[in-house]
Amino acid sequence: MQLRCTGDSGKRLQRWIKEVLNQDLVFQHIRIIYPTAPARPYTPMKGGISNVWFDRFKISNDCPEHLESIDGMCQVLTDLIDDEVKSGIKKNRILVGGFSMGGCMAMHLAYRSHQDVGGVFALSSFLNKTSAVYQALQKSDGVLPELFQCHGTADELVLHSWAEETNSMLKSLGVSTKFHSLPGLDHELSKEELEKLKSWILTKLPGEIERQNE
């Protein structure tokens, strides 16, 4: 499940990925879902309407989370996961992730409500310093899904240091992580990043031939 960034739609994220890779992100044995967040007032835009997964008090890692909107969206996305499981997909064969706010939403979804998914990816994303994700993981004693992170060192909207801090906190709470710094990259996708993500997805969700050769 691929969650996109603030103010964008699932279809636009799919087109953006195709533009960066010069081809669609496709796998013979994996279906990618690109949900679109609902339109809602967004505080950092002075209450303007935008397609966002949740509201923020401000774009900073040093402020409270807007848990009411985060929790409401977790339930909506849980319904999507439940539909996939009902259709026959094993929970440990589901990955959740996204870009920017989408990556943050994915971390809330997986580490607070679905710790049995196959993995999580977060591109140019961060968690607030007192995130409910950290609080949930402090109470967890099971095996946690691995986190794949990429972040540009030149990101001026979501600072690279915020992502590093998120990674360090999650690692200290028992999450196995892979963190890739991308020199000179701003708040955007890159071909190198998507190629790394594609390789990681294939290690988490190998096809039948790969599994037989293991």
N, C-alpha and C. Protein backbone atom coordinates (compact mmCIF):
# COMPACT_ATOMS: atom_id res chain seq x y z
N MET A 1 0.85 -1.18 0.00
CA MET A 1 0.00 0.00 0.00
C MET A 1 0.89 1.24 0.00
N GLN A 2 0.73 2.08 -1.01
CA GLN A 2 1.59 3.26 -1.18
C GLN A 2 0.77 4.51 -0.89
N LEU A 3 1.15 5.24 0.16
CA LEU A 3 0.44 6.45 0.57
C LEU A 3 1.21 7.68 0.11
N ARG A 4 0.48 8.62 -0.48
CA ARG A 4 1.19 9.76 -1.07
C ARG A 4 1.28 10.92 -0.09
N CYS A 5 1.79 12.06 -0.58
CA CYS A 5 2.10 13.20 0.27
C CYS A 5 0.94 14.18 0.37
N THR A 6 1.16 15.27 1.08
CA THR A 6 0.15 16.29 1.30
C THR A 6 -0.35 16.89 -0.01
N GLY A 7 -1.68 16.98 -0.17
CA GLY A 7 -2.28 17.68 -1.28
C GLY A 7 -2.25 16.93 -2.60
N ASP A 8 -1.82 15.70 -2.60
CA ASP A 8 -1.72 14.92 -3.83
C ASP A 8 -2.73 13.79 -3.81
N SER A 9 -2.87 13.09 -4.92
CA SER A 9 -3.78 11.95 -4.99
C SER A 9 -2.98 10.69 -5.29
N GLY A 10 -3.62 9.55 -5.09
CA GLY A 10 -2.94 8.28 -5.38
C GLY A 10 -2.52 8.17 -6.83
N LYS A 11 -3.40 8.62 -7.74
CA LYS A 11 -3.08 8.53 -9.17
C LYS A 11 -1.92 9.46 -9.54
N ARG A 12 -1.88 10.63 -8.92
CA ARG A 12 -0.77 11.56 -9.21
C ARG A 12 0.55 11.02 -8.69
N LEU A 13 0.51 10.36 -7.53
CA LEU A 13 1.74 9.75 -7.02
C LEU A 13 2.21 8.66 -7.98
N GLN A 14 1.29 7.87 -8.49
CA GLN A 14 1.65 6.82 -9.45
C GLN A 14 2.30 7.42 -10.69
N ARG A 15 1.74 8.54 -11.18
CA ARG A 15 2.33 9.21 -12.36
C ARG A 15 3.69 9.79 -12.04
N TRP A 16 3.84 10.36 -10.83
CA TRP A 16 5.11 10.95 -10.43
C TRP A 16 6.20 9.87 -10.39
N ILE A 17 5.89 8.73 -9.82
CA ILE A 17 6.85 7.62 -9.77
C ILE A 17 7.25 7.21 -11.18
N LYS A 18 6.28 7.14 -12.09
CA LYS A 18 6.58 6.75 -13.48
C LYS A 18 7.51 7.77 -14.13
N GLU A 19 7.29 9.07 -13.87
CA GLU A 19 8.15 10.11 -14.44
C GLU A 19 9.58 9.99 -13.93
N VAL A 20 9.74 9.68 -12.64
CA VAL A 20 11.09 9.58 -12.05
C VAL A 20 11.81 8.33 -12.54
N LEU A 21 11.09 7.21 -12.61
CA LEU A 21 11.71 5.93 -13.00
C LEU A 21 11.76 5.74 -14.52
N ASN A 22 10.99 6.57 -15.25
CA ASN A 22 10.81 6.38 -16.70
C ASN A 22 10.07 5.09 -17.01
N GLN A 23 9.37 4.57 -16.03
CA GLN A 23 8.53 3.38 -16.21
C GLN A 23 7.66 3.24 -14.96
N ASP A 24 6.61 2.44 -15.07
CA ASP A 24 5.77 2.19 -13.91
C ASP A 24 6.51 1.33 -12.89
N LEU A 25 6.17 1.52 -11.62
CA LEU A 25 6.68 0.65 -10.56
C LEU A 25 5.76 -0.56 -10.51
N VAL A 26 6.19 -1.64 -11.13
CA VAL A 26 5.33 -2.83 -11.22
C VAL A 26 6.13 -4.08 -10.86
N PHE A 27 5.41 -5.07 -10.36
CA PHE A 27 5.97 -6.37 -10.03
C PHE A 27 5.02 -7.43 -10.56
N GLN A 28 5.56 -8.53 -11.06
CA GLN A 28 4.70 -9.59 -11.61
C GLN A 28 3.80 -10.20 -10.54
N HIS A 29 4.29 -10.27 -9.30
CA HIS A 29 3.56 -11.00 -8.26
C HIS A 29 3.03 -10.10 -7.14
N ILE A 30 3.11 -8.78 -7.33
CA ILE A 30 2.69 -7.85 -6.27
C ILE A 30 1.73 -6.82 -6.86
N ARG A 31 0.64 -6.56 -6.14
CA ARG A 31 -0.30 -5.50 -6.53
C ARG A 31 -0.06 -4.29 -5.63
N ILE A 32 0.09 -3.13 -6.23
CA ILE A 32 0.30 -1.90 -5.47
C ILE A 32 -1.01 -1.12 -5.41
N ILE A 33 -1.40 -0.72 -4.22
CA ILE A 33 -2.60 0.09 -4.02
C ILE A 33 -2.17 1.52 -3.72
N TYR A 34 -2.76 2.48 -4.42
CA TYR A 34 -2.47 3.90 -4.22
C TYR A 34 -3.73 4.61 -3.71
N PRO A 35 -4.00 4.56 -2.42
CA PRO A 35 -5.20 5.25 -1.91
C PRO A 35 -5.02 6.76 -1.96
N THR A 36 -6.14 7.47 -1.97
CA THR A 36 -6.13 8.94 -1.92
C THR A 36 -6.73 9.40 -0.60
N ALA A 37 -6.04 10.30 0.07
CA ALA A 37 -6.54 10.83 1.34
C ALA A 37 -7.74 11.74 1.09
N PRO A 38 -8.63 11.83 2.07
CA PRO A 38 -9.79 12.71 1.92
C PRO A 38 -9.41 14.18 2.01
N ALA A 39 -10.24 15.04 1.43
CA ALA A 39 -10.04 16.48 1.54
C ALA A 39 -10.48 16.93 2.92
N ARG A 40 -9.63 17.75 3.56
CA ARG A 40 -9.96 18.26 4.89
C ARG A 40 -9.22 19.58 5.12
N PRO A 41 -9.69 20.40 6.07
CA PRO A 41 -8.93 21.61 6.40
C PRO A 41 -7.56 21.24 6.96
N TYR A 42 -6.54 21.95 6.52
CA TYR A 42 -5.17 21.64 6.92
C TYR A 42 -4.55 22.87 7.57
N THR A 43 -4.25 22.75 8.86
CA THR A 43 -3.80 23.89 9.65
C THR A 43 -2.55 24.58 9.08
N PRO A 44 -1.50 23.85 8.63
CA PRO A 44 -0.33 24.55 8.08
C PRO A 44 -0.65 25.39 6.83
N MET A 45 -1.81 25.14 6.20
CA MET A 45 -2.25 25.95 5.06
C MET A 45 -3.32 26.94 5.50
N LYS A 46 -3.29 27.32 6.80
CA LYS A 46 -4.24 28.27 7.37
C LYS A 46 -5.68 27.81 7.21
N GLY A 47 -5.86 26.49 7.34
CA GLY A 47 -7.21 25.94 7.27
C GLY A 47 -7.71 25.67 5.87
N GLY A 48 -6.86 25.86 4.87
CA GLY A 48 -7.24 25.57 3.49
C GLY A 48 -7.53 24.09 3.30
N ILE A 49 -8.39 23.77 2.35
CA ILE A 49 -8.76 22.38 2.10
C ILE A 49 -7.67 21.70 1.27
N SER A 50 -7.25 20.54 1.73
CA SER A 50 -6.24 19.77 1.00
C SER A 50 -6.46 18.29 1.24
N ASN A 51 -6.01 17.47 0.29
CA ASN A 51 -6.07 16.01 0.48
C ASN A 51 -4.91 15.60 1.38
N VAL A 52 -5.19 15.39 2.64
CA VAL A 52 -4.15 15.03 3.61
C VAL A 52 -4.63 13.87 4.46
N TRP A 53 -3.68 13.06 4.90
CA TRP A 53 -4.03 11.90 5.73
C TRP A 53 -4.47 12.33 7.11
N PHE A 54 -3.93 13.41 7.61
CA PHE A 54 -4.30 13.91 8.93
C PHE A 54 -3.90 15.37 9.02
N ASP A 55 -4.36 16.03 10.05
CA ASP A 55 -3.99 17.42 10.26
C ASP A 55 -2.71 17.52 11.08
N ARG A 56 -2.03 18.62 10.98
CA ARG A 56 -0.87 18.92 11.81
C ARG A 56 -1.08 20.30 12.43
N PHE A 57 -0.56 20.48 13.64
CA PHE A 57 -0.59 21.80 14.23
C PHE A 57 0.43 22.70 13.53
N LYS A 58 1.55 22.10 13.13
CA LYS A 58 2.55 22.76 12.29
C LYS A 58 3.50 21.69 11.77
N ILE A 59 4.26 22.06 10.73
CA ILE A 59 5.23 21.10 10.17
C ILE A 59 6.50 21.20 10.99
N SER A 60 6.56 20.40 12.03
CA SER A 60 7.69 20.40 12.96
C SER A 60 7.67 19.08 13.71
N ASN A 61 8.85 18.63 14.14
CA ASN A 61 8.89 17.41 14.94
C ASN A 61 8.78 17.72 16.43
N ASP A 62 8.69 19.01 16.76
CA ASP A 62 8.69 19.43 18.16
C ASP A 62 7.35 20.06 18.53
N CYS A 63 6.27 19.31 18.29
CA CYS A 63 4.93 19.77 18.66
C CYS A 63 4.05 18.53 18.82
N PRO A 64 2.89 18.66 19.45
CA PRO A 64 2.01 17.49 19.62
C PRO A 64 1.48 16.99 18.27
N GLU A 65 1.11 15.72 18.22
CA GLU A 65 0.47 15.16 17.03
C GLU A 65 -1.04 15.42 17.09
N HIS A 66 -1.65 15.53 15.93
CA HIS A 66 -3.10 15.69 15.85
C HIS A 66 -3.71 14.28 15.84
N LEU A 67 -3.78 13.67 17.03
CA LEU A 67 -4.14 12.26 17.13
C LEU A 67 -5.56 11.96 16.69
N GLU A 68 -6.47 12.89 16.87
CA GLU A 68 -7.86 12.62 16.47
C GLU A 68 -7.94 12.30 14.97
N SER A 69 -7.28 13.10 14.15
CA SER A 69 -7.32 12.86 12.71
C SER A 69 -6.45 11.67 12.31
N ILE A 70 -5.34 11.46 13.01
CA ILE A 70 -4.49 10.30 12.72
C ILE A 70 -5.24 9.01 13.02
N ASP A 71 -5.88 8.95 14.17
CA ASP A 71 -6.57 7.72 14.57
C ASP A 71 -7.76 7.42 13.66
N GLY A 72 -8.46 8.47 13.23
CA GLY A 72 -9.57 8.26 12.32
C GLY A 72 -9.12 7.67 11.00
N MET A 73 -7.98 8.14 10.49
CA MET A 73 -7.48 7.62 9.23
C MET A 73 -6.89 6.22 9.38
N CYS A 74 -6.33 5.94 10.56
CA CYS A 74 -5.85 4.57 10.81
C CYS A 74 -6.99 3.57 10.65
N GLN A 75 -8.19 3.93 11.10
CA GLN A 75 -9.32 3.02 10.98
C GLN A 75 -9.72 2.83 9.53
N VAL A 76 -9.71 3.92 8.76
CA VAL A 76 -10.04 3.83 7.33
C VAL A 76 -9.05 2.91 6.61
N LEU A 77 -7.77 3.07 6.88
CA LEU A 77 -6.75 2.26 6.22
C LEU A 77 -6.75 0.83 6.74
N THR A 78 -7.15 0.65 8.00
CA THR A 78 -7.31 -0.71 8.53
C THR A 78 -8.36 -1.47 7.73
N ASP A 79 -9.42 -0.78 7.34
CA ASP A 79 -10.46 -1.42 6.53
C ASP A 79 -9.88 -1.90 5.20
N LEU A 80 -8.96 -1.12 4.61
CA LEU A 80 -8.31 -1.54 3.36
C LEU A 80 -7.47 -2.80 3.57
N ILE A 81 -6.71 -2.81 4.66
CA ILE A 81 -5.90 -3.98 4.97
C ILE A 81 -6.78 -5.20 5.20
N ASP A 82 -7.86 -5.02 5.94
CA ASP A 82 -8.78 -6.12 6.22
C ASP A 82 -9.38 -6.68 4.93
N ASP A 83 -9.69 -5.80 3.99
CA ASP A 83 -10.23 -6.25 2.70
C ASP A 83 -9.22 -7.12 1.97
N GLU A 84 -7.94 -6.74 2.02
CA GLU A 84 -6.90 -7.54 1.35
C GLU A 84 -6.77 -8.92 2.01
N VAL A 85 -6.82 -8.94 3.34
CA VAL A 85 -6.71 -10.21 4.06
C VAL A 85 -7.91 -11.10 3.73
N LYS A 86 -9.10 -10.52 3.67
CA LYS A 86 -10.30 -11.29 3.34
C LYS A 86 -10.23 -11.86 1.93
N SER A 87 -9.50 -11.16 1.05
CA SER A 87 -9.37 -11.63 -0.33
C SER A 87 -8.33 -12.74 -0.47
N GLY A 88 -7.64 -13.06 0.64
CA GLY A 88 -6.68 -14.17 0.60
C GLY A 88 -5.23 -13.79 0.73
N ILE A 89 -4.93 -12.50 0.85
CA ILE A 89 -3.54 -12.06 1.02
C ILE A 89 -3.13 -12.24 2.48
N LYS A 90 -2.01 -12.91 2.69
CA LYS A 90 -1.52 -13.08 4.06
C LYS A 90 -1.03 -11.73 4.60
N LYS A 91 -1.29 -11.49 5.87
CA LYS A 91 -0.94 -10.21 6.48
C LYS A 91 0.56 -9.93 6.38
N ASN A 92 1.38 -10.98 6.51
CA ASN A 92 2.83 -10.77 6.45
C ASN A 92 3.34 -10.60 5.02
N ARG A 93 2.41 -10.58 4.05
CA ARG A 93 2.76 -10.28 2.66
C ARG A 93 2.25 -8.89 2.26
N ILE A 94 1.88 -8.10 3.26
CA ILE A 94 1.43 -6.74 3.01
C ILE A 94 2.49 -5.76 3.51
N LEU A 95 2.89 -4.83 2.65
CA LEU A 95 3.79 -3.74 3.04
C LEU A 95 3.00 -2.45 3.00
N VAL A 96 3.30 -1.55 3.94
CA VAL A 96 2.64 -0.23 3.93
C VAL A 96 3.72 0.84 3.95
N GLY A 97 3.49 1.92 3.23
CA GLY A 97 4.48 2.98 3.21
C GLY A 97 4.03 4.14 2.36
N GLY A 98 4.88 5.15 2.29
CA GLY A 98 4.53 6.31 1.49
C GLY A 98 5.59 7.39 1.54
N PHE A 99 5.26 8.49 0.89
CA PHE A 99 6.16 9.64 0.79
C PHE A 99 5.66 10.75 1.70
N SER A 100 6.57 11.38 2.44
CA SER A 100 6.27 12.52 3.29
C SER A 100 5.21 12.15 4.33
N MET A 101 4.08 12.85 4.34
CA MET A 101 3.02 12.54 5.30
C MET A 101 2.54 11.10 5.15
N GLY A 102 2.59 10.56 3.93
CA GLY A 102 2.19 9.18 3.71
C GLY A 102 3.06 8.19 4.47
N GLY A 103 4.36 8.48 4.56
CA GLY A 103 5.26 7.61 5.32
C GLY A 103 4.97 7.68 6.80
N CYS A 104 4.67 8.88 7.29
CA CYS A 104 4.31 9.05 8.71
C CYS A 104 3.04 8.27 9.01
N MET A 105 2.05 8.39 8.12
CA MET A 105 0.78 7.66 8.31
C MET A 105 1.03 6.16 8.34
N ALA A 106 1.91 5.68 7.48
CA ALA A 106 2.21 4.25 7.42
C ALA A 106 2.86 3.77 8.72
N MET A 107 3.73 4.58 9.31
CA MET A 107 4.37 4.19 10.56
C MET A 107 3.34 4.12 11.70
N HIS A 108 2.43 5.07 11.74
CA HIS A 108 1.35 5.00 12.73
C HIS A 108 0.51 3.75 12.53
N LEU A 109 0.14 3.49 11.28
CA LEU A 109 -0.73 2.37 10.96
C LEU A 109 -0.09 1.04 11.35
N ALA A 110 1.17 0.86 10.97
CA ALA A 110 1.83 -0.42 11.21
C ALA A 110 2.25 -0.61 12.66
N TYR A 111 2.96 0.36 13.21
CA TYR A 111 3.57 0.15 14.52
C TYR A 111 2.59 0.33 15.69
N ARG A 112 1.44 0.93 15.43
CA ARG A 112 0.43 1.05 16.50
C ARG A 112 -0.68 0.02 16.36
N SER A 113 -1.03 -0.36 15.10
CA SER A 113 -2.21 -1.19 14.91
C SER A 113 -1.97 -2.49 14.15
N HIS A 114 -0.90 -2.57 13.37
CA HIS A 114 -0.69 -3.75 12.51
C HIS A 114 0.77 -4.18 12.54
N GLN A 115 1.23 -4.60 13.69
CA GLN A 115 2.63 -4.98 13.84
C GLN A 115 2.97 -6.31 13.17
N ASP A 116 1.96 -6.94 12.56
CA ASP A 116 2.19 -8.20 11.86
C ASP A 116 2.23 -8.05 10.34
N VAL A 117 2.33 -6.80 9.82
CA VAL A 117 2.52 -6.65 8.38
C VAL A 117 3.96 -7.00 8.03
N GLY A 118 4.22 -7.13 6.72
CA GLY A 118 5.54 -7.58 6.29
C GLY A 118 6.64 -6.55 6.36
N GLY A 119 6.29 -5.26 6.36
CA GLY A 119 7.31 -4.23 6.39
C GLY A 119 6.69 -2.85 6.20
N VAL A 120 7.51 -1.82 6.45
CA VAL A 120 7.07 -0.43 6.37
C VAL A 120 8.14 0.37 5.64
N PHE A 121 7.72 1.30 4.77
CA PHE A 121 8.69 2.20 4.15
C PHE A 121 8.23 3.64 4.29
N ALA A 122 9.20 4.53 4.50
CA ALA A 122 8.91 5.94 4.72
C ALA A 122 9.95 6.77 3.97
N LEU A 123 9.50 7.50 2.98
CA LEU A 123 10.37 8.32 2.15
C LEU A 123 10.15 9.80 2.49
N SER A 124 11.21 10.46 2.91
CA SER A 124 11.13 11.89 3.28
C SER A 124 10.08 12.12 4.36
N SER A 125 10.10 11.27 5.38
CA SER A 125 9.07 11.29 6.43
C SER A 125 9.71 11.40 7.81
N PHE A 126 8.86 11.73 8.80
CA PHE A 126 9.35 11.81 10.17
C PHE A 126 8.21 11.59 11.15
N LEU A 127 8.56 11.32 12.40
CA LEU A 127 7.60 11.26 13.50
C LEU A 127 7.94 12.37 14.49
N ASN A 128 6.91 12.90 15.14
CA ASN A 128 7.13 13.92 16.17
C ASN A 128 7.88 13.34 17.36
N LYS A 129 8.54 14.20 18.11
CA LYS A 129 9.39 13.76 19.22
C LYS A 129 8.63 12.93 20.26
N THR A 130 7.36 13.26 20.49
CA THR A 130 6.56 12.53 21.49
C THR A 130 5.49 11.68 20.81
N SER A 131 5.83 11.13 19.65
CA SER A 131 4.85 10.40 18.84
C SER A 131 4.18 9.25 19.60
N ALA A 132 2.90 9.05 19.32
CA ALA A 132 2.17 7.91 19.87
C ALA A 132 2.76 6.59 19.38
N VAL A 133 3.48 6.62 18.27
CA VAL A 133 4.15 5.41 17.78
C VAL A 133 5.17 4.93 18.81
N TYR A 134 5.97 5.85 19.33
CA TYR A 134 6.97 5.47 20.32
C TYR A 134 6.31 4.92 21.58
N GLN A 135 5.22 5.53 21.98
CA GLN A 135 4.51 5.07 23.18
C GLN A 135 3.96 3.66 22.98
N ALA A 136 3.44 3.38 21.79
CA ALA A 136 2.91 2.04 21.50
C ALA A 136 4.02 1.00 21.51
N LEU A 137 5.18 1.34 20.95
CA LEU A 137 6.27 0.38 20.86
C LEU A 137 6.89 0.09 22.22
N GLN A 138 6.79 1.03 23.13
CA GLN A 138 7.30 0.78 24.49
C GLN A 138 6.54 -0.34 25.18
N LYS A 139 5.31 -0.58 24.73
CA LYS A 139 4.47 -1.62 25.32
C LYS A 139 4.50 -2.91 24.53
N SER A 140 5.26 -2.93 23.43
CA SER A 140 5.29 -4.10 22.55
C SER A 140 6.46 -5.01 22.89
N ASP A 141 6.21 -6.31 22.83
CA ASP A 141 7.31 -7.26 23.08
C ASP A 141 7.40 -8.31 21.97
N GLY A 142 6.71 -8.08 20.85
CA GLY A 142 6.74 -9.03 19.75
C GLY A 142 7.72 -8.62 18.67
N VAL A 143 7.76 -9.41 17.59
CA VAL A 143 8.60 -9.10 16.44
C VAL A 143 7.93 -7.98 15.65
N LEU A 144 8.70 -6.98 15.29
CA LEU A 144 8.17 -5.79 14.62
C LEU A 144 8.56 -5.78 13.14
N PRO A 145 7.71 -5.20 12.28
CA PRO A 145 8.06 -5.10 10.86
C PRO A 145 9.26 -4.19 10.63
N GLU A 146 10.09 -4.59 9.69
CA GLU A 146 11.28 -3.79 9.36
C GLU A 146 10.87 -2.47 8.71
N LEU A 147 11.66 -1.42 8.97
CA LEU A 147 11.43 -0.10 8.39
C LEU A 147 12.51 0.22 7.36
N PHE A 148 12.09 0.63 6.18
CA PHE A 148 12.98 1.12 5.12
C PHE A 148 12.76 2.62 5.00
N GLN A 149 13.84 3.40 5.17
CA GLN A 149 13.75 4.86 5.09
C GLN A 149 14.74 5.42 4.08
N CYS A 150 14.30 6.44 3.34
CA CYS A 150 15.19 7.24 2.50
C CYS A 150 14.88 8.70 2.77
N HIS A 151 15.94 9.54 2.74
CA HIS A 151 15.71 10.96 2.99
C HIS A 151 16.82 11.79 2.36
N GLY A 152 16.43 12.86 1.70
CA GLY A 152 17.41 13.74 1.07
C GLY A 152 18.10 14.64 2.08
N THR A 153 19.40 14.81 1.93
CA THR A 153 20.15 15.66 2.86
C THR A 153 19.84 17.14 2.67
N ALA A 154 19.28 17.52 1.50
CA ALA A 154 18.98 18.92 1.22
C ALA A 154 17.49 19.25 1.41
N ASP A 155 16.78 18.37 2.06
CA ASP A 155 15.33 18.57 2.28
C ASP A 155 15.13 19.76 3.22
N GLU A 156 14.48 20.80 2.75
CA GLU A 156 14.25 22.00 3.56
C GLU A 156 12.86 22.02 4.20
N LEU A 157 11.97 21.12 3.77
CA LEU A 157 10.63 21.07 4.36
C LEU A 157 10.59 20.11 5.54
N VAL A 158 11.10 18.90 5.32
CA VAL A 158 11.22 17.89 6.37
C VAL A 158 12.72 17.63 6.54
N LEU A 159 13.29 18.15 7.59
CA LEU A 159 14.74 18.11 7.74
C LEU A 159 15.27 16.68 7.85
N HIS A 160 16.44 16.48 7.26
CA HIS A 160 17.10 15.17 7.31
C HIS A 160 17.32 14.73 8.75
N SER A 161 17.62 15.68 9.62
CA SER A 161 17.87 15.35 11.04
C SER A 161 16.60 14.81 11.72
N TRP A 162 15.41 15.25 11.28
CA TRP A 162 14.17 14.72 11.84
C TRP A 162 14.01 13.24 11.50
N ALA A 163 14.35 12.89 10.27
CA ALA A 163 14.27 11.50 9.84
C ALA A 163 15.30 10.64 10.59
N GLU A 164 16.50 11.17 10.76
CA GLU A 164 17.53 10.44 11.51
C GLU A 164 17.09 10.19 12.94
N GLU A 165 16.49 11.20 13.55
CA GLU A 165 16.02 11.05 14.93
C GLU A 165 14.90 10.02 15.01
N THR A 166 13.99 10.04 14.03
CA THR A 166 12.91 9.04 13.97
C THR A 166 13.50 7.64 13.88
N ASN A 167 14.48 7.49 13.00
CA ASN A 167 15.11 6.19 12.81
C ASN A 167 15.78 5.70 14.09
N SER A 168 16.51 6.59 14.75
CA SER A 168 17.21 6.23 15.98
C SER A 168 16.24 5.82 17.08
N MET A 169 15.14 6.57 17.21
CA MET A 169 14.15 6.25 18.22
C MET A 169 13.50 4.90 17.96
N LEU A 170 13.12 4.65 16.72
CA LEU A 170 12.49 3.37 16.39
C LEU A 170 13.45 2.20 16.60
N LYS A 171 14.70 2.42 16.23
CA LYS A 171 15.70 1.38 16.42
C LYS A 171 15.89 1.06 17.90
N SER A 172 15.87 2.09 18.73
CA SER A 172 16.04 1.89 20.18
C SER A 172 14.86 1.16 20.79
N LEU A 173 13.73 1.17 20.08
CA LEU A 173 12.52 0.51 20.57
C LEU A 173 12.31 -0.86 19.93
N GLY A 174 13.32 -1.35 19.24
CA GLY A 174 13.28 -2.72 18.74
C GLY A 174 12.96 -2.90 17.27
N VAL A 175 12.85 -1.80 16.52
CA VAL A 175 12.56 -1.90 15.09
C VAL A 175 13.86 -2.07 14.31
N SER A 176 13.89 -3.06 13.45
CA SER A 176 15.03 -3.24 12.54
C SER A 176 14.86 -2.23 11.40
N THR A 177 15.90 -1.45 11.12
CA THR A 177 15.76 -0.37 10.14
C THR A 177 16.86 -0.39 9.09
N LYS A 178 16.50 0.16 7.93
CA LYS A 178 17.47 0.45 6.87
C LYS A 178 17.28 1.92 6.52
N PHE A 179 18.35 2.72 6.67
CA PHE A 179 18.25 4.16 6.44
C PHE A 179 19.24 4.57 5.34
N HIS A 180 18.70 5.24 4.31
CA HIS A 180 19.54 5.69 3.20
C HIS A 180 19.47 7.21 3.10
N SER A 181 20.61 7.88 3.25
CA SER A 181 20.71 9.32 3.04
C SER A 181 21.02 9.58 1.57
N LEU A 182 20.31 10.53 0.97
CA LEU A 182 20.50 10.83 -0.44
C LEU A 182 21.08 12.24 -0.59
N PRO A 183 22.40 12.35 -0.85
CA PRO A 183 23.07 13.65 -0.90
C PRO A 183 22.44 14.59 -1.93
N GLY A 184 22.17 15.83 -1.48
CA GLY A 184 21.69 16.87 -2.39
C GLY A 184 20.22 16.80 -2.76
N LEU A 185 19.51 15.79 -2.29
CA LEU A 185 18.10 15.63 -2.67
C LEU A 185 17.22 16.48 -1.75
N ASP A 186 16.30 17.23 -2.35
CA ASP A 186 15.35 18.05 -1.60
C ASP A 186 14.13 17.18 -1.26
N HIS A 187 12.98 17.80 -1.02
CA HIS A 187 11.77 17.07 -0.63
C HIS A 187 11.10 16.53 -1.89
N GLU A 188 11.68 15.47 -2.43
CA GLU A 188 11.21 14.91 -3.69
C GLU A 188 11.68 13.46 -3.82
N LEU A 189 11.18 12.79 -4.83
CA LEU A 189 11.61 11.42 -5.13
C LEU A 189 12.79 11.45 -6.09
N SER A 190 13.61 10.40 -6.03
CA SER A 190 14.70 10.26 -6.98
C SER A 190 14.71 8.83 -7.52
N LYS A 191 15.33 8.67 -8.67
CA LYS A 191 15.41 7.35 -9.28
C LYS A 191 16.19 6.39 -8.40
N GLU A 192 17.31 6.88 -7.83
CA GLU A 192 18.12 6.04 -6.94
C GLU A 192 17.30 5.52 -5.76
N GLU A 193 16.52 6.41 -5.18
CA GLU A 193 15.69 6.06 -4.03
C GLU A 193 14.65 5.00 -4.40
N LEU A 194 13.98 5.19 -5.54
CA LEU A 194 12.95 4.24 -5.96
C LEU A 194 13.54 2.90 -6.34
N GLU A 195 14.75 2.90 -6.89
CA GLU A 195 15.41 1.63 -7.21
C GLU A 195 15.76 0.88 -5.92
N LYS A 196 16.21 1.62 -4.91
CA LYS A 196 16.50 1.00 -3.61
C LYS A 196 15.22 0.43 -3.00
N LEU A 197 14.14 1.20 -3.10
CA LEU A 197 12.86 0.74 -2.56
C LEU A 197 12.39 -0.53 -3.28
N LYS A 198 12.53 -0.53 -4.58
CA LYS A 198 12.11 -1.69 -5.37
C LYS A 198 12.88 -2.94 -4.95
N SER A 199 14.19 -2.80 -4.75
CA SER A 199 15.01 -3.95 -4.31
C SER A 199 14.59 -4.42 -2.93
N TRP A 200 14.29 -3.47 -2.03
CA TRP A 200 13.86 -3.84 -0.68
C TRP A 200 12.53 -4.58 -0.72
N ILE A 201 11.59 -4.09 -1.54
CA ILE A 201 10.29 -4.75 -1.66
C ILE A 201 10.47 -6.19 -2.10
N LEU A 202 11.36 -6.41 -3.05
CA LEU A 202 11.57 -7.78 -3.55
C LEU A 202 12.22 -8.68 -2.51
N THR A 203 13.01 -8.12 -1.60
CA THR A 203 13.57 -8.95 -0.53
C THR A 203 12.49 -9.31 0.49
N LYS A 204 11.53 -8.41 0.70
CA LYS A 204 10.46 -8.66 1.65
C LYS A 204 9.37 -9.55 1.07
N LEU A 205 9.12 -9.39 -0.24
CA LEU A 205 8.04 -10.14 -0.89
C LEU A 205 8.58 -10.85 -2.14
N PRO A 206 9.42 -11.87 -1.94
CA PRO A 206 9.96 -12.57 -3.10
C PRO A 206 8.88 -13.35 -3.84
N GLY A 207 9.08 -13.52 -5.15
CA GLY A 207 8.16 -14.33 -5.93
C GLY A 207 8.39 -15.81 -5.67
N GLU A 208 7.61 -16.64 -6.31
CA GLU A 208 7.70 -18.09 -6.09
C GLU A 208 9.09 -18.63 -6.43
N ILE A 209 9.67 -18.18 -7.55
CA ILE A 209 10.97 -18.69 -7.98
C ILE A 209 12.04 -18.33 -6.96
N GLU A 210 12.02 -17.05 -6.50
CA GLU A 210 13.01 -16.61 -5.50
C GLU A 210 12.88 -17.41 -4.22
N ARG A 211 11.62 -17.68 -3.79
CA ARG A 211 11.44 -18.43 -2.54
C ARG A 211 11.95 -19.85 -2.68
N GLN A 212 11.77 -20.45 -3.86
CA GLN A 212 12.23 -21.83 -4.07
C GLN A 212 13.75 -21.92 -4.07
N ASN A 213 14.42 -20.83 -4.49
CA ASN A 213 15.89 -20.82 -4.55
C ASN A 213 16.54 -20.47 -3.23
N GLU A 214 15.75 -20.05 -2.23
CA GLU A 214 16.34 -19.66 -0.96
C GLU A 214 16.80 -20.89 -0.17
